[in-house]
Protein backbone atom coordinates (compact mmCIF):
# COMPACT_ATOMS: atom_id res chain seq x y z
CA MET A 1 -22.15 48.03 -63.30
CA ARG A 2 -21.16 51.50 -63.53
CA LEU A 3 -23.87 52.41 -61.28
CA LEU A 4 -22.43 49.97 -58.74
CA GLY A 5 -18.95 51.16 -59.62
CA ARG A 6 -19.89 54.56 -58.36
CA VAL A 7 -22.00 53.70 -55.40
CA ALA A 8 -19.49 51.48 -54.13
CA SER A 9 -16.50 54.12 -54.92
CA PRO A 10 -14.14 55.24 -51.78
CA GLN A 11 -15.50 58.48 -52.05
CA VAL A 12 -18.96 57.53 -51.27
CA ALA A 13 -17.69 55.44 -48.72
CA VAL A 14 -15.86 58.30 -47.36
CA ALA A 15 -19.03 60.53 -47.66
CA VAL A 16 -21.42 57.94 -45.94
CA LEU A 17 -19.03 57.89 -42.99
CA THR A 18 -19.07 61.50 -42.70
CA ALA A 19 -22.41 62.14 -42.86
CA ILE A 20 -22.82 59.10 -39.87
CA THR A 21 -20.10 60.51 -37.92
CA GLY A 22 -21.58 64.07 -38.22
CA VAL A 23 -24.91 63.01 -37.23
CA TYR A 24 -23.80 60.95 -34.12
CA MET A 25 -21.72 63.63 -33.09
CA GLY A 26 -24.90 65.74 -33.37
CA LEU A 27 -27.05 63.54 -31.38
CA VAL A 28 -23.80 63.47 -28.80
CA VAL A 29 -24.19 67.11 -28.51
CA PHE A 30 -28.32 67.21 -28.57
CA GLY A 31 -27.94 64.55 -25.39
CA ASN A 32 -25.13 66.10 -23.47
CA ILE A 33 -27.36 69.66 -23.94
CA THR A 34 -30.91 68.10 -23.07
CA ASP A 35 -29.63 65.42 -20.40
CA TYR A 36 -27.13 68.54 -19.17
CA GLY A 37 -27.34 67.64 -15.47
CA THR A 38 -26.50 63.60 -16.17
CA ASN A 39 -24.03 63.98 -18.65
CA ARG A 40 -22.08 67.18 -16.09
CA ALA A 41 -22.20 64.60 -13.41
CA PHE A 42 -19.74 62.31 -15.25
CA VAL A 43 -17.17 64.83 -15.89
CA GLU A 44 -17.61 66.09 -12.01
CA HIS A 45 -16.73 62.32 -10.82
CA VAL A 46 -13.78 61.84 -13.37
CA PHE A 47 -12.58 65.08 -12.42
CA ALA A 48 -13.14 64.51 -8.38
CA MET A 49 -11.73 60.78 -8.83
CA ASP A 50 -13.93 60.03 -6.18
CA THR A 51 -14.38 56.61 -7.18
CA THR A 52 -10.88 55.58 -8.02
CA PHE A 53 -8.50 53.67 -6.18
CA ARG A 54 -7.71 57.51 -4.10
CA SER A 55 -4.27 56.47 -4.05
CA PRO A 56 -2.56 59.49 -2.38
CA ALA A 57 0.35 59.55 -5.10
CA THR A 58 -2.65 60.55 -7.49
CA MET A 59 -4.92 62.25 -5.85
CA TYR A 60 -3.85 65.66 -6.14
CA ARG A 61 -4.77 65.72 -9.64
CA ALA A 62 -8.48 65.77 -8.29
CA ILE A 63 -10.68 68.76 -9.37
CA THR A 64 -13.67 69.62 -7.02
CA ASP A 65 -13.96 73.52 -8.47
CA GLN A 66 -17.47 73.31 -9.66
CA THR A 67 -16.83 76.42 -11.63
CA VAL A 68 -13.77 74.09 -13.45
CA VAL A 69 -16.33 71.70 -13.89
CA THR A 70 -18.77 73.47 -15.90
CA VAL A 71 -16.24 75.52 -17.47
CA ALA A 72 -14.85 72.01 -18.94
CA TYR A 73 -18.08 70.53 -19.44
CA VAL A 74 -19.63 73.42 -21.78
CA LEU A 75 -16.05 73.45 -23.60
CA ILE A 76 -16.06 69.32 -24.34
CA ILE A 77 -20.10 70.23 -25.74
CA ALA A 78 -18.61 73.37 -27.85
CA TRP A 79 -16.05 71.33 -29.34
CA GLU A 80 -18.25 68.13 -29.92
CA ALA A 81 -20.82 70.87 -31.61
CA ALA A 82 -17.79 72.02 -33.75
CA THR A 83 -16.89 68.93 -34.70
CA ALA A 84 -20.44 67.48 -35.89
CA LEU A 85 -20.42 71.04 -37.84
CA VAL A 86 -17.51 70.25 -39.56
CA LEU A 87 -18.63 66.89 -40.31
CA LEU A 88 -21.73 67.38 -41.70
CA GLY A 89 -20.41 70.46 -43.77
CA GLY A 90 -18.16 68.10 -45.19
CA ALA A 91 -20.88 65.39 -46.11
CA VAL A 92 -22.54 68.35 -47.68
CA ALA A 93 -19.47 69.12 -49.51
CA TRP A 94 -19.27 65.48 -50.41
CA ALA A 95 -22.93 65.59 -52.30
CA ARG A 96 -21.99 68.28 -54.07
CA GLY A 97 -18.82 67.01 -55.49
CA ARG A 98 -16.92 69.79 -53.81
CA ALA A 99 -13.02 69.88 -53.46
CA VAL A 100 -13.15 70.92 -49.77
CA ALA A 101 -14.99 67.87 -48.56
CA ARG A 102 -11.86 65.74 -48.09
CA ARG A 103 -10.45 68.15 -46.10
CA LEU A 104 -13.49 69.14 -43.95
CA SER A 105 -13.70 65.01 -43.52
CA ALA A 106 -10.23 65.03 -42.16
CA LEU A 107 -10.63 67.83 -39.97
CA GLY A 108 -13.76 66.82 -38.30
CA TRP A 109 -12.32 63.41 -37.28
CA LEU A 110 -9.10 64.91 -36.44
CA MET A 111 -10.86 66.88 -34.03
CA GLN A 112 -13.09 63.79 -32.92
CA VAL A 113 -9.64 62.00 -32.41
CA LEU A 114 -8.21 64.64 -30.40
CA LEU A 115 -11.29 64.87 -28.09
CA PHE A 116 -11.54 61.08 -27.48
CA GLY A 117 -8.09 59.90 -27.66
CA GLY A 118 -6.29 63.16 -26.13
CA GLY A 119 -9.09 64.32 -23.53
CA PHE A 120 -11.02 61.31 -22.81
CA ILE A 121 -8.45 58.51 -22.87
CA ALA A 122 -5.41 60.30 -22.28
CA ILE A 123 -6.44 63.03 -19.80
CA GLY A 124 -9.56 61.29 -18.29
CA GLY A 125 -8.26 58.10 -18.63
CA GLU A 126 -5.00 58.40 -17.45
CA TRP A 127 -4.30 61.81 -15.69
CA PHE A 128 -7.81 61.31 -13.70
CA GLN A 129 -7.49 57.72 -13.68
CA MET A 130 -10.79 57.01 -14.91
CA TRP A 131 -9.66 53.50 -16.09
CA GLN A 132 -9.90 52.85 -11.95
CA SER A 133 -13.54 53.83 -11.68
CA SER A 134 -16.36 51.33 -12.33
CA ASP A 135 -18.79 53.64 -12.05
CA TRP A 136 -17.90 56.74 -13.86
CA ASN A 137 -15.54 55.17 -16.81
CA GLY A 138 -16.00 56.35 -20.20
CA LEU A 139 -12.86 54.89 -21.67
CA ASN A 140 -15.29 51.81 -24.04
CA ALA A 141 -16.94 54.84 -25.51
CA ALA A 142 -13.80 57.17 -26.03
CA PHE A 143 -12.09 54.07 -27.51
CA GLN A 144 -15.13 53.50 -29.59
CA ASN A 145 -14.67 56.92 -31.01
CA LEU A 146 -11.45 57.21 -31.67
CA VAL A 147 -11.58 54.00 -33.86
CA ILE A 148 -14.53 55.26 -36.03
CA ALA A 149 -12.05 58.58 -36.47
CA SER A 150 -9.25 57.09 -36.98
CA VAL A 151 -10.87 54.92 -39.91
CA GLY A 152 -12.58 58.11 -40.98
CA LEU A 153 -9.20 59.32 -41.67
CA ILE A 154 -7.46 56.76 -43.07
CA LEU A 155 -9.77 56.14 -45.77
CA VAL A 156 -10.07 59.78 -46.60
CA HIS A 157 -6.23 59.84 -46.86
CA ARG A 158 -6.46 56.26 -48.73
CA SER A 159 -9.22 57.13 -51.49
CA THR A 160 -8.42 58.31 -54.55
CA ALA A 161 -8.36 62.05 -55.13
CA ASP A 162 -11.75 63.58 -56.80
């Protein structure tokens, strides 16, 4: 029973979720780098708002400058990579029993919330009207990531201290 208590502890749950999320974010970065053109096209179409309802009241928001699109996409990849590294660092810290594990996990999930909640849902979804596009709509995936990170943040702050 003692082993079961340790394996099923809140800290182990947070450590596992930290590791899974870190690996996932690493795979997102890998995909964005190895399939750069496809994923950059997504950012390009969202910024251009070319598959939205094209309302004159919102089209002034569109960005078609290719340099701006490329810089934004590279910054997204860099932010995802930093998030993956922080979360993976948190997973290693959990495995080693380090006190910094809780903070690294929380920071990584907060970074994920900022990217997917702030970047994709708020800016992409609302400012660039991504919700109007049937072709270039990443709101479901963004929401999925927001929920995972939010659950992680709740667990890491609700779990008992080390």
